[in-house]
Amino acid sequence: MNKHTKFLISEETILHYLDGSLSEEAMHAFEEEMETSSFLKDAVEGLENFSDKQALRAAVKQLHEQLRQRTQKKRKQRWILFQQHQLQNIIIAIAILLLIIVGIFVVHYARQKGL
């Protein structure tokens, strides 16, 4: 899996990884994702110590929610930056158009006055 693809990790995927029931390809993709995400790696290492399956499921669900919140926060930050850049681009475009219009009027006025 290259760094431009995103591996969507569900609670079930983590549980299947921990009990060894993932396919070889899915397990490889999961392990590659763990290498790039210290949060996921720490979570899996901590979950390996659980013996109670109910407690494990609850912990996985909580970790999944925390991961979702982290990614959602980053998405919101990127959207805010995008909007700010869009506003700046609009202001620049309007300023350029105004300069062009003023330039046209100045040239037209200068021609009428014979300057």
N, C-alpha and C. Protein backbone atom coordinates (compact mmCIF):
# COMPACT_ATOMS: atom_id res chain seq x y z
N MET A 1 0.86 -1.18 0.00
CA MET A 1 0.00 0.00 0.00
C MET A 1 0.89 1.23 0.00
N ASN A 2 0.73 2.12 -0.96
CA ASN A 2 1.60 3.28 -1.00
C ASN A 2 1.09 4.37 -0.07
N LYS A 3 1.88 5.42 0.07
CA LYS A 3 1.54 6.44 1.05
C LYS A 3 0.41 7.33 0.60
N HIS A 4 -0.04 7.21 -0.67
CA HIS A 4 -1.12 8.04 -1.15
C HIS A 4 -2.48 7.36 -0.99
N THR A 5 -2.52 6.07 -0.69
CA THR A 5 -3.78 5.40 -0.46
C THR A 5 -4.07 5.38 1.02
N LYS A 6 -5.33 5.31 1.33
CA LYS A 6 -5.72 5.34 2.73
C LYS A 6 -6.43 4.03 3.07
N PHE A 7 -5.96 3.38 4.11
CA PHE A 7 -6.53 2.13 4.56
C PHE A 7 -7.55 2.45 5.65
N LEU A 8 -8.82 2.20 5.36
CA LEU A 8 -9.87 2.49 6.32
C LEU A 8 -9.90 1.37 7.35
N ILE A 9 -9.68 1.73 8.60
CA ILE A 9 -9.59 0.73 9.66
C ILE A 9 -10.85 0.78 10.50
N SER A 10 -11.56 -0.33 10.52
CA SER A 10 -12.76 -0.42 11.33
C SER A 10 -12.43 -1.17 12.62
N GLU A 11 -13.37 -1.11 13.54
CA GLU A 11 -13.18 -1.84 14.80
C GLU A 11 -13.04 -3.33 14.52
N GLU A 12 -13.85 -3.81 13.58
CA GLU A 12 -13.80 -5.24 13.25
C GLU A 12 -12.45 -5.62 12.65
N THR A 13 -11.87 -4.74 11.85
CA THR A 13 -10.57 -5.03 11.25
C THR A 13 -9.51 -5.20 12.33
N ILE A 14 -9.53 -4.30 13.32
CA ILE A 14 -8.57 -4.41 14.42
C ILE A 14 -8.78 -5.71 15.18
N LEU A 15 -10.04 -6.03 15.47
CA LEU A 15 -10.34 -7.28 16.20
C LEU A 15 -9.91 -8.50 15.41
N HIS A 16 -10.18 -8.49 14.10
CA HIS A 16 -9.77 -9.62 13.27
C HIS A 16 -8.25 -9.72 13.19
N TYR A 17 -7.57 -8.57 13.17
CA TYR A 17 -6.10 -8.60 13.18
C TYR A 17 -5.61 -9.24 14.48
N LEU A 18 -6.21 -8.83 15.60
CA LEU A 18 -5.75 -9.34 16.89
C LEU A 18 -6.00 -10.83 17.05
N ASP A 19 -7.10 -11.34 16.48
CA ASP A 19 -7.34 -12.78 16.63
C ASP A 19 -6.78 -13.58 15.45
N GLY A 20 -6.10 -12.88 14.51
CA GLY A 20 -5.41 -13.56 13.41
C GLY A 20 -6.30 -14.05 12.31
N SER A 21 -7.51 -13.51 12.19
CA SER A 21 -8.44 -14.02 11.17
C SER A 21 -8.47 -13.16 9.90
N LEU A 22 -7.55 -12.21 9.76
CA LEU A 22 -7.48 -11.44 8.52
C LEU A 22 -6.78 -12.24 7.44
N SER A 23 -7.11 -11.96 6.19
CA SER A 23 -6.39 -12.61 5.09
C SER A 23 -4.95 -12.10 5.10
N GLU A 24 -4.09 -12.80 4.41
CA GLU A 24 -2.68 -12.41 4.39
C GLU A 24 -2.51 -11.02 3.79
N GLU A 25 -3.26 -10.74 2.73
CA GLU A 25 -3.17 -9.43 2.08
C GLU A 25 -3.68 -8.31 3.01
N ALA A 26 -4.82 -8.55 3.66
CA ALA A 26 -5.37 -7.56 4.58
C ALA A 26 -4.45 -7.36 5.78
N MET A 27 -3.85 -8.44 6.27
CA MET A 27 -2.94 -8.33 7.40
C MET A 27 -1.71 -7.51 7.01
N HIS A 28 -1.21 -7.73 5.80
CA HIS A 28 -0.05 -6.97 5.32
C HIS A 28 -0.40 -5.48 5.22
N ALA A 29 -1.57 -5.17 4.66
CA ALA A 29 -2.00 -3.77 4.53
C ALA A 29 -2.17 -3.14 5.90
N PHE A 30 -2.74 -3.90 6.83
CA PHE A 30 -2.94 -3.39 8.19
C PHE A 30 -1.59 -3.09 8.85
N GLU A 31 -0.64 -3.98 8.70
CA GLU A 31 0.68 -3.79 9.30
C GLU A 31 1.41 -2.60 8.67
N GLU A 32 1.23 -2.39 7.37
CA GLU A 32 1.82 -1.20 6.73
C GLU A 32 1.21 0.07 7.30
N GLU A 33 -0.09 0.04 7.52
CA GLU A 33 -0.76 1.21 8.10
C GLU A 33 -0.27 1.45 9.52
N MET A 34 -0.02 0.38 10.26
CA MET A 34 0.51 0.53 11.63
C MET A 34 1.89 1.19 11.61
N GLU A 35 2.69 0.90 10.58
CA GLU A 35 4.02 1.49 10.49
C GLU A 35 3.95 3.00 10.30
N THR A 36 2.91 3.47 9.63
CA THR A 36 2.79 4.91 9.37
C THR A 36 2.00 5.64 10.45
N SER A 37 1.28 4.90 11.29
CA SER A 37 0.45 5.54 12.32
C SER A 37 0.89 5.07 13.70
N SER A 38 1.59 5.94 14.40
CA SER A 38 2.03 5.57 15.75
C SER A 38 0.84 5.38 16.68
N PHE A 39 -0.24 6.12 16.43
CA PHE A 39 -1.45 5.99 17.24
C PHE A 39 -2.02 4.58 17.10
N LEU A 40 -2.14 4.10 15.87
CA LEU A 40 -2.66 2.75 15.63
C LEU A 40 -1.73 1.70 16.21
N LYS A 41 -0.43 1.89 16.02
CA LYS A 41 0.55 0.92 16.52
C LYS A 41 0.46 0.80 18.05
N ASP A 42 0.42 1.95 18.73
CA ASP A 42 0.29 1.93 20.19
C ASP A 42 -1.01 1.29 20.63
N ALA A 43 -2.08 1.58 19.90
CA ALA A 43 -3.38 1.02 20.24
C ALA A 43 -3.37 -0.51 20.13
N VAL A 44 -2.82 -1.02 19.03
CA VAL A 44 -2.79 -2.47 18.82
C VAL A 44 -1.90 -3.13 19.87
N GLU A 45 -0.76 -2.52 20.16
CA GLU A 45 0.13 -3.09 21.19
C GLU A 45 -0.57 -3.16 22.54
N GLY A 46 -1.32 -2.13 22.88
CA GLY A 46 -2.05 -2.14 24.14
C GLY A 46 -3.18 -3.15 24.15
N LEU A 47 -3.86 -3.29 23.01
CA LEU A 47 -5.00 -4.21 22.93
C LEU A 47 -4.56 -5.67 22.95
N GLU A 48 -3.33 -5.95 22.56
CA GLU A 48 -2.85 -7.34 22.56
C GLU A 48 -2.82 -7.91 23.97
N ASN A 49 -2.77 -7.05 24.97
CA ASN A 49 -2.70 -7.52 26.36
C ASN A 49 -4.06 -7.87 26.96
N PHE A 50 -5.16 -7.58 26.27
CA PHE A 50 -6.50 -7.87 26.79
C PHE A 50 -6.79 -9.36 26.68
N SER A 51 -7.34 -9.91 27.76
CA SER A 51 -7.78 -11.31 27.72
C SER A 51 -9.30 -11.39 27.62
N ASP A 52 -10.00 -10.39 28.14
CA ASP A 52 -11.46 -10.34 28.10
C ASP A 52 -11.92 -9.74 26.76
N LYS A 53 -12.64 -10.54 25.96
CA LYS A 53 -13.06 -10.10 24.64
C LYS A 53 -14.03 -8.92 24.70
N GLN A 54 -14.92 -8.86 25.71
CA GLN A 54 -15.85 -7.74 25.84
C GLN A 54 -15.10 -6.45 26.12
N ALA A 55 -14.14 -6.51 27.03
CA ALA A 55 -13.35 -5.32 27.34
C ALA A 55 -12.53 -4.91 26.12
N LEU A 56 -12.05 -5.88 25.37
CA LEU A 56 -11.30 -5.61 24.16
C LEU A 56 -12.16 -4.88 23.14
N ARG A 57 -13.38 -5.36 22.93
CA ARG A 57 -14.29 -4.71 21.98
C ARG A 57 -14.60 -3.27 22.40
N ALA A 58 -14.81 -3.07 23.70
CA ALA A 58 -15.10 -1.72 24.19
C ALA A 58 -13.90 -0.80 24.00
N ALA A 59 -12.71 -1.31 24.25
CA ALA A 59 -11.50 -0.51 24.07
C ALA A 59 -11.27 -0.18 22.61
N VAL A 60 -11.50 -1.14 21.74
CA VAL A 60 -11.34 -0.91 20.30
C VAL A 60 -12.33 0.14 19.82
N LYS A 61 -13.55 0.04 20.29
CA LYS A 61 -14.57 1.02 19.90
C LYS A 61 -14.17 2.42 20.35
N GLN A 62 -13.65 2.55 21.56
CA GLN A 62 -13.22 3.85 22.08
C GLN A 62 -12.05 4.39 21.25
N LEU A 63 -11.08 3.54 20.95
CA LEU A 63 -9.93 3.97 20.15
C LEU A 63 -10.35 4.39 18.75
N HIS A 64 -11.29 3.65 18.18
CA HIS A 64 -11.78 3.99 16.85
C HIS A 64 -12.45 5.37 16.87
N GLU A 65 -13.21 5.65 17.89
CA GLU A 65 -13.88 6.95 18.03
C GLU A 65 -12.84 8.07 18.18
N GLN A 66 -11.80 7.83 18.97
CA GLN A 66 -10.75 8.83 19.13
C GLN A 66 -10.04 9.10 17.80
N LEU A 67 -9.77 8.07 17.05
CA LEU A 67 -9.12 8.22 15.75
C LEU A 67 -10.02 9.00 14.80
N ARG A 68 -11.31 8.71 14.80
CA ARG A 68 -12.27 9.42 13.95
C ARG A 68 -12.29 10.90 14.31
N GLN A 69 -12.27 11.20 15.61
CA GLN A 69 -12.28 12.60 16.05
C GLN A 69 -11.01 13.32 15.61
N ARG A 70 -9.87 12.66 15.69
CA ARG A 70 -8.61 13.28 15.27
C ARG A 70 -8.63 13.60 13.79
N THR A 71 -9.08 12.66 12.98
CA THR A 71 -9.09 12.89 11.54
C THR A 71 -10.14 13.93 11.16
N GLN A 72 -11.26 13.94 11.87
CA GLN A 72 -12.30 14.92 11.59
C GLN A 72 -11.79 16.34 11.91
N LYS A 73 -11.04 16.47 12.98
CA LYS A 73 -10.49 17.76 13.37
C LYS A 73 -9.53 18.27 12.29
N LYS A 74 -8.70 17.37 11.76
CA LYS A 74 -7.76 17.76 10.71
C LYS A 74 -8.51 18.17 9.45
N ARG A 75 -9.59 17.45 9.13
CA ARG A 75 -10.38 17.81 7.95
C ARG A 75 -10.98 19.20 8.11
N LYS A 76 -11.48 19.51 9.29
CA LYS A 76 -12.05 20.84 9.54
C LYS A 76 -10.99 21.92 9.39
N GLN A 77 -9.80 21.67 9.91
CA GLN A 77 -8.71 22.64 9.79
C GLN A 77 -8.34 22.87 8.32
N ARG A 78 -8.29 21.78 7.54
CA ARG A 78 -7.97 21.93 6.12
C ARG A 78 -9.06 22.70 5.39
N TRP A 79 -10.34 22.46 5.75
CA TRP A 79 -11.45 23.15 5.11
C TRP A 79 -11.39 24.65 5.44
N ILE A 80 -11.06 25.00 6.68
CA ILE A 80 -10.95 26.40 7.07
C ILE A 80 -9.82 27.07 6.28
N LEU A 81 -8.68 26.41 6.16
CA LEU A 81 -7.58 26.95 5.37
C LEU A 81 -7.96 27.12 3.91
N PHE A 82 -8.68 26.15 3.37
CA PHE A 82 -9.14 26.23 1.98
C PHE A 82 -10.04 27.44 1.80
N GLN A 83 -10.97 27.64 2.73
CA GLN A 83 -11.89 28.78 2.63
C GLN A 83 -11.13 30.10 2.72
N GLN A 84 -10.14 30.17 3.61
CA GLN A 84 -9.35 31.39 3.73
C GLN A 84 -8.60 31.68 2.43
N HIS A 85 -8.04 30.66 1.82
CA HIS A 85 -7.31 30.85 0.57
C HIS A 85 -8.28 31.25 -0.55
N GLN A 86 -9.47 30.66 -0.55
CA GLN A 86 -10.45 31.03 -1.56
C GLN A 86 -10.84 32.49 -1.42
N LEU A 87 -11.03 32.97 -0.19
CA LEU A 87 -11.38 34.36 0.04
C LEU A 87 -10.26 35.27 -0.44
N GLN A 88 -9.03 34.91 -0.14
CA GLN A 88 -7.88 35.70 -0.60
C GLN A 88 -7.82 35.74 -2.13
N ASN A 89 -8.07 34.62 -2.77
CA ASN A 89 -8.05 34.57 -4.23
C ASN A 89 -9.16 35.43 -4.83
N ILE A 90 -10.32 35.42 -4.22
CA ILE A 90 -11.43 36.25 -4.70
C ILE A 90 -11.10 37.73 -4.56
N ILE A 91 -10.54 38.10 -3.42
CA ILE A 91 -10.16 39.50 -3.19
C ILE A 91 -9.11 39.94 -4.20
N ILE A 92 -8.12 39.09 -4.46
CA ILE A 92 -7.08 39.42 -5.45
C ILE A 92 -7.69 39.55 -6.83
N ALA A 93 -8.59 38.67 -7.21
CA ALA A 93 -9.22 38.73 -8.52
C ALA A 93 -10.04 40.01 -8.67
N ILE A 94 -10.78 40.39 -7.62
CA ILE A 94 -11.57 41.62 -7.66
C ILE A 94 -10.65 42.83 -7.79
N ALA A 95 -9.54 42.84 -7.04
CA ALA A 95 -8.60 43.96 -7.11
C ALA A 95 -8.00 44.07 -8.51
N ILE A 96 -7.65 42.96 -9.11
CA ILE A 96 -7.09 42.99 -10.47
C ILE A 96 -8.13 43.51 -11.46
N LEU A 97 -9.36 43.05 -11.35
CA LEU A 97 -10.43 43.53 -12.23
C LEU A 97 -10.64 45.03 -12.07
N LEU A 98 -10.64 45.51 -10.82
CA LEU A 98 -10.80 46.95 -10.58
C LEU A 98 -9.66 47.74 -11.20
N LEU A 99 -8.43 47.25 -11.08
CA LEU A 99 -7.28 47.91 -11.69
C LEU A 99 -7.41 47.96 -13.22
N ILE A 100 -7.88 46.88 -13.80
CA ILE A 100 -8.07 46.84 -15.25
C ILE A 100 -9.13 47.85 -15.67
N ILE A 101 -10.24 47.88 -14.94
CA ILE A 101 -11.32 48.82 -15.27
C ILE A 101 -10.85 50.26 -15.12
N VAL A 102 -10.15 50.57 -14.02
CA VAL A 102 -9.62 51.92 -13.82
C VAL A 102 -8.63 52.25 -14.93
N GLY A 103 -7.79 51.31 -15.30
CA GLY A 103 -6.82 51.52 -16.38
C GLY A 103 -7.51 51.83 -17.70
N ILE A 104 -8.59 51.11 -18.00
CA ILE A 104 -9.35 51.36 -19.23
C ILE A 104 -9.92 52.77 -19.22
N PHE A 105 -10.50 53.17 -18.09
CA PHE A 105 -11.07 54.52 -17.99
C PHE A 105 -9.99 55.59 -18.12
N VAL A 106 -8.84 55.37 -17.53
CA VAL A 106 -7.74 56.35 -17.62
C VAL A 106 -7.26 56.47 -19.06
N VAL A 107 -7.08 55.36 -19.74
CA VAL A 107 -6.65 55.38 -21.14
C VAL A 107 -7.70 56.06 -21.99
N HIS A 108 -8.96 55.72 -21.79
CA HIS A 108 -10.05 56.32 -22.56
C HIS A 108 -10.11 57.84 -22.31
N TYR A 109 -9.98 58.27 -21.08
CA TYR A 109 -10.02 59.69 -20.73
C TYR A 109 -8.82 60.42 -21.35
N ALA A 110 -7.65 59.77 -21.28
CA ALA A 110 -6.44 60.39 -21.86
C ALA A 110 -6.58 60.56 -23.37
N ARG A 111 -7.20 59.63 -24.06
CA ARG A 111 -7.39 59.73 -25.51
C ARG A 111 -8.36 60.85 -25.85
N GLN A 112 -9.42 60.99 -25.01
CA GLN A 112 -10.40 62.04 -25.27
C GLN A 112 -9.79 63.42 -25.08
N LYS A 113 -8.94 63.57 -24.12
CA LYS A 113 -8.32 64.85 -23.83
C LYS A 113 -7.10 65.10 -24.72
N GLY A 114 -6.71 64.12 -25.46
CA GLY A 114 -5.58 64.27 -26.36
C GLY A 114 -4.24 64.27 -25.65
N LEU A 115 -4.13 63.57 -24.53
CA LEU A 115 -2.88 63.54 -23.77
C LEU A 115 -1.93 62.51 -24.27
